[in-house]
Amino acid sequence: MPLLDKIARDVTDLQTGLRELKASQDQASRDHSKAIEQLQASQDQLARAFRAAKNDAVGAATPARLPPRPPPPRSPRFP
């Protein structure tokens, strides 16, 4: 019987190891998904910042329109 007891313990240990491995893989999968979501959010934020900076640069490069100058004063025709 000692051989059967050892086999039973080994099987129990393997089952425990498999449960722990599955739990570890599940946690790694959740961590991976969370990291992907954070990366996508960071990329979206960077893209928004880039677009805003680009729009600011385009606005700064375009000169503001000034109102037209009034004509110079006319000198009198007769002194």
N, C-alpha and C. Protein backbone atom coordinates (compact mmCIF):
# COMPACT_ATOMS: atom_id res chain seq x y z
N MET A 1 0.79 -1.21 0.00
CA MET A 1 0.00 0.00 0.00
C MET A 1 0.83 1.28 0.00
N PRO A 2 2.04 1.26 0.47
CA PRO A 2 2.79 2.52 0.46
C PRO A 2 2.94 3.08 -0.95
N LEU A 3 3.04 2.25 -1.95
CA LEU A 3 3.17 2.74 -3.32
C LEU A 3 1.89 3.45 -3.75
N LEU A 4 0.74 2.89 -3.40
CA LEU A 4 -0.54 3.54 -3.75
C LEU A 4 -0.69 4.87 -3.02
N ASP A 5 -0.25 4.91 -1.77
CA ASP A 5 -0.32 6.17 -1.02
C ASP A 5 0.55 7.24 -1.68
N LYS A 6 1.74 6.84 -2.11
CA LYS A 6 2.64 7.80 -2.77
C LYS A 6 2.03 8.28 -4.08
N ILE A 7 1.46 7.38 -4.83
CA ILE A 7 0.82 7.75 -6.10
C ILE A 7 -0.34 8.71 -5.83
N ALA A 8 -1.12 8.44 -4.82
CA ALA A 8 -2.26 9.30 -4.47
C ALA A 8 -1.77 10.70 -4.08
N ARG A 9 -0.70 10.76 -3.29
CA ARG A 9 -0.14 12.07 -2.90
C ARG A 9 0.39 12.81 -4.14
N ASP A 10 1.07 12.09 -5.01
CA ASP A 10 1.60 12.70 -6.23
C ASP A 10 0.48 13.27 -7.09
N VAL A 11 -0.60 12.51 -7.23
CA VAL A 11 -1.75 12.97 -8.02
C VAL A 11 -2.36 14.22 -7.38
N THR A 12 -2.49 14.19 -6.06
CA THR A 12 -3.04 15.35 -5.34
C THR A 12 -2.13 16.57 -5.53
N ASP A 13 -0.82 16.35 -5.42
CA ASP A 13 0.13 17.44 -5.61
C ASP A 13 0.06 17.99 -7.04
N LEU A 14 -0.08 17.11 -8.02
CA LEU A 14 -0.21 17.56 -9.41
C LEU A 14 -1.48 18.37 -9.63
N GLN A 15 -2.57 17.92 -9.02
CA GLN A 15 -3.83 18.66 -9.15
C GLN A 15 -3.71 20.05 -8.52
N THR A 16 -3.07 20.12 -7.37
CA THR A 16 -2.86 21.41 -6.71
C THR A 16 -1.99 22.31 -7.58
N GLY A 17 -0.92 21.73 -8.11
CA GLY A 17 -0.03 22.49 -8.98
C GLY A 17 -0.74 23.01 -10.22
N LEU A 18 -1.59 22.19 -10.79
CA LEU A 18 -2.35 22.62 -11.98
C LEU A 18 -3.31 23.76 -11.64
N ARG A 19 -3.98 23.67 -10.48
CA ARG A 19 -4.89 24.76 -10.07
C ARG A 19 -4.11 26.06 -9.87
N GLU A 20 -2.93 25.96 -9.23
CA GLU A 20 -2.12 27.15 -9.01
C GLU A 20 -1.62 27.73 -10.34
N LEU A 21 -1.24 26.85 -11.25
CA LEU A 21 -0.78 27.31 -12.56
C LEU A 21 -1.90 28.01 -13.31
N LYS A 22 -3.10 27.44 -13.29
CA LYS A 22 -4.24 28.06 -13.96
C LYS A 22 -4.56 29.42 -13.35
N ALA A 23 -4.53 29.50 -12.02
CA ALA A 23 -4.80 30.78 -11.35
C ALA A 23 -3.73 31.81 -11.74
N SER A 24 -2.50 31.37 -11.82
CA SER A 24 -1.41 32.27 -12.21
C SER A 24 -1.58 32.74 -13.65
N GLN A 25 -1.96 31.85 -14.54
CA GLN A 25 -2.18 32.22 -15.93
C GLN A 25 -3.36 33.17 -16.07
N ASP A 26 -4.42 32.93 -15.30
CA ASP A 26 -5.58 33.83 -15.33
C ASP A 26 -5.18 35.23 -14.88
N GLN A 27 -4.38 35.31 -13.81
CA GLN A 27 -3.93 36.61 -13.31
C GLN A 27 -3.05 37.30 -14.35
N ALA A 28 -2.16 36.55 -14.97
CA ALA A 28 -1.29 37.13 -16.00
C ALA A 28 -2.12 37.64 -17.17
N SER A 29 -3.16 36.93 -17.53
CA SER A 29 -4.03 37.36 -18.63
C SER A 29 -4.75 38.66 -18.26
N ARG A 30 -5.24 38.75 -17.02
CA ARG A 30 -5.91 39.99 -16.58
C ARG A 30 -4.92 41.15 -16.57
N ASP A 31 -3.71 40.89 -16.07
CA ASP A 31 -2.69 41.93 -16.04
C ASP A 31 -2.34 42.40 -17.45
N HIS A 32 -2.25 41.45 -18.36
CA HIS A 32 -1.93 41.77 -19.76
C HIS A 32 -3.03 42.64 -20.37
N SER A 33 -4.28 42.26 -20.14
CA SER A 33 -5.40 43.04 -20.68
C SER A 33 -5.41 44.45 -20.11
N LYS A 34 -5.13 44.57 -18.81
CA LYS A 34 -5.10 45.89 -18.18
C LYS A 34 -3.97 46.74 -18.75
N ALA A 35 -2.82 46.13 -18.98
CA ALA A 35 -1.68 46.86 -19.55
C ALA A 35 -2.01 47.34 -20.96
N ILE A 36 -2.70 46.52 -21.75
CA ILE A 36 -3.09 46.92 -23.10
C ILE A 36 -4.05 48.10 -23.04
N GLU A 37 -5.02 48.06 -22.13
CA GLU A 37 -5.96 49.17 -22.00
C GLU A 37 -5.24 50.45 -21.62
N GLN A 38 -4.28 50.35 -20.69
CA GLN A 38 -3.53 51.54 -20.27
C GLN A 38 -2.68 52.08 -21.42
N LEU A 39 -2.10 51.19 -22.19
CA LEU A 39 -1.29 51.61 -23.33
C LEU A 39 -2.15 52.32 -24.37
N GLN A 40 -3.33 51.77 -24.64
CA GLN A 40 -4.22 52.40 -25.61
C GLN A 40 -4.67 53.78 -25.12
N ALA A 41 -4.97 53.88 -23.81
CA ALA A 41 -5.37 55.16 -23.26
C ALA A 41 -4.23 56.18 -23.37
N SER A 42 -3.01 55.73 -23.11
CA SER A 42 -1.85 56.62 -23.22
C SER A 42 -1.64 57.06 -24.67
N GLN A 43 -1.81 56.15 -25.60
CA GLN A 43 -1.66 56.50 -27.02
C GLN A 43 -2.72 57.50 -27.44
N ASP A 44 -3.96 57.30 -26.97
CA ASP A 44 -5.04 58.24 -27.29
C ASP A 44 -4.73 59.63 -26.72
N GLN A 45 -4.25 59.66 -25.48
CA GLN A 45 -3.91 60.92 -24.85
C GLN A 45 -2.78 61.62 -25.60
N LEU A 46 -1.77 60.86 -26.00
CA LEU A 46 -0.66 61.42 -26.76
C LEU A 46 -1.13 61.96 -28.11
N ALA A 47 -2.02 61.23 -28.76
CA ALA A 47 -2.54 61.68 -30.06
C ALA A 47 -3.32 62.98 -29.90
N ARG A 48 -4.13 63.08 -28.83
CA ARG A 48 -4.87 64.32 -28.59
C ARG A 48 -3.92 65.49 -28.33
N ALA A 49 -2.90 65.24 -27.54
CA ALA A 49 -1.92 66.29 -27.24
C ALA A 49 -1.19 66.72 -28.51
N PHE A 50 -0.85 65.76 -29.34
CA PHE A 50 -0.16 66.07 -30.60
C PHE A 50 -1.05 66.92 -31.51
N ARG A 51 -2.32 66.52 -31.62
CA ARG A 51 -3.24 67.29 -32.46
C ARG A 51 -3.41 68.71 -31.92
N ALA A 52 -3.52 68.84 -30.60
CA ALA A 52 -3.68 70.17 -30.00
C ALA A 52 -2.44 71.02 -30.25
N ALA A 53 -1.27 70.43 -30.10
CA ALA A 53 -0.03 71.17 -30.33
C ALA A 53 0.09 71.56 -31.80
N LYS A 54 -0.31 70.67 -32.67
CA LYS A 54 -0.25 70.96 -34.10
C LYS A 54 -1.20 72.11 -34.45
N ASN A 55 -2.40 72.06 -33.88
CA ASN A 55 -3.37 73.13 -34.13
C ASN A 55 -2.87 74.46 -33.57
N ASP A 56 -2.23 74.43 -32.40
CA ASP A 56 -1.68 75.65 -31.83
C ASP A 56 -0.58 76.20 -32.71
N ALA A 57 0.26 75.32 -33.25
CA ALA A 57 1.36 75.76 -34.10
C ALA A 57 0.83 76.36 -35.39
N VAL A 58 -0.20 75.74 -35.94
CA VAL A 58 -0.79 76.28 -37.17
C VAL A 58 -1.41 77.63 -36.89
N GLY A 59 -2.09 77.78 -35.77
CA GLY A 59 -2.70 79.07 -35.40
C GLY A 59 -1.65 80.14 -35.17
N ALA A 60 -0.52 79.77 -34.59
CA ALA A 60 0.54 80.75 -34.33
C ALA A 60 1.24 81.14 -35.62
N ALA A 61 1.29 80.24 -36.58
CA ALA A 61 1.98 80.53 -37.84
C ALA A 61 1.14 81.41 -38.75
N THR A 62 -0.15 81.45 -38.55
CA THR A 62 -1.03 82.26 -39.38
C THR A 62 -1.09 83.67 -38.78
N PRO A 63 -0.67 84.68 -39.51
CA PRO A 63 -0.69 86.03 -38.94
C PRO A 63 -2.13 86.50 -38.74
N ALA A 64 -2.30 87.26 -37.69
CA ALA A 64 -3.63 87.80 -37.42
C ALA A 64 -3.93 88.87 -38.48
N ARG A 65 -5.15 88.92 -38.90
CA ARG A 65 -5.54 89.92 -39.90
C ARG A 65 -5.74 91.26 -39.21
N LEU A 66 -5.06 92.23 -39.72
CA LEU A 66 -5.19 93.58 -39.20
C LEU A 66 -6.23 94.33 -40.02
N PRO A 67 -6.90 95.27 -39.38
CA PRO A 67 -7.87 96.05 -40.17
C PRO A 67 -7.12 96.89 -41.20
N PRO A 68 -7.76 97.21 -42.31
CA PRO A 68 -7.08 98.02 -43.33
C PRO A 68 -6.72 99.40 -42.78
N ARG A 69 -5.61 99.93 -43.28
CA ARG A 69 -5.18 101.26 -42.84
C ARG A 69 -6.08 102.31 -43.48
N PRO A 70 -6.35 103.34 -42.71
CA PRO A 70 -7.12 104.43 -43.33
C PRO A 70 -6.22 105.17 -44.32
N PRO A 71 -6.80 105.79 -45.30
CA PRO A 71 -5.97 106.53 -46.27
C PRO A 71 -5.28 107.71 -45.57
N PRO A 72 -4.12 108.11 -46.07
CA PRO A 72 -3.42 109.25 -45.45
C PRO A 72 -4.25 110.52 -45.60
N PRO A 73 -4.08 111.44 -44.69
CA PRO A 73 -4.86 112.69 -44.81
C PRO A 73 -4.48 113.45 -46.08
N ARG A 74 -5.46 114.00 -46.69
CA ARG A 74 -5.22 114.75 -47.94
C ARG A 74 -4.80 116.16 -47.61
N SER A 75 -3.87 116.62 -48.36
CA SER A 75 -3.48 118.03 -48.16
C SER A 75 -4.50 118.92 -48.86
N PRO A 76 -4.73 120.08 -48.28
CA PRO A 76 -5.71 120.98 -48.93
C PRO A 76 -5.25 121.40 -50.32
N ARG A 77 -6.19 121.56 -51.24
CA ARG A 77 -5.87 121.92 -52.63
C ARG A 77 -5.49 123.40 -52.72
N PHE A 78 -6.14 124.16 -51.94
CA PHE A 78 -5.86 125.61 -52.02
C PHE A 78 -5.22 126.05 -50.74
N PRO A 79 -4.17 126.82 -50.86
CA PRO A 79 -3.53 127.33 -49.67
C PRO A 79 -4.26 128.45 -49.01
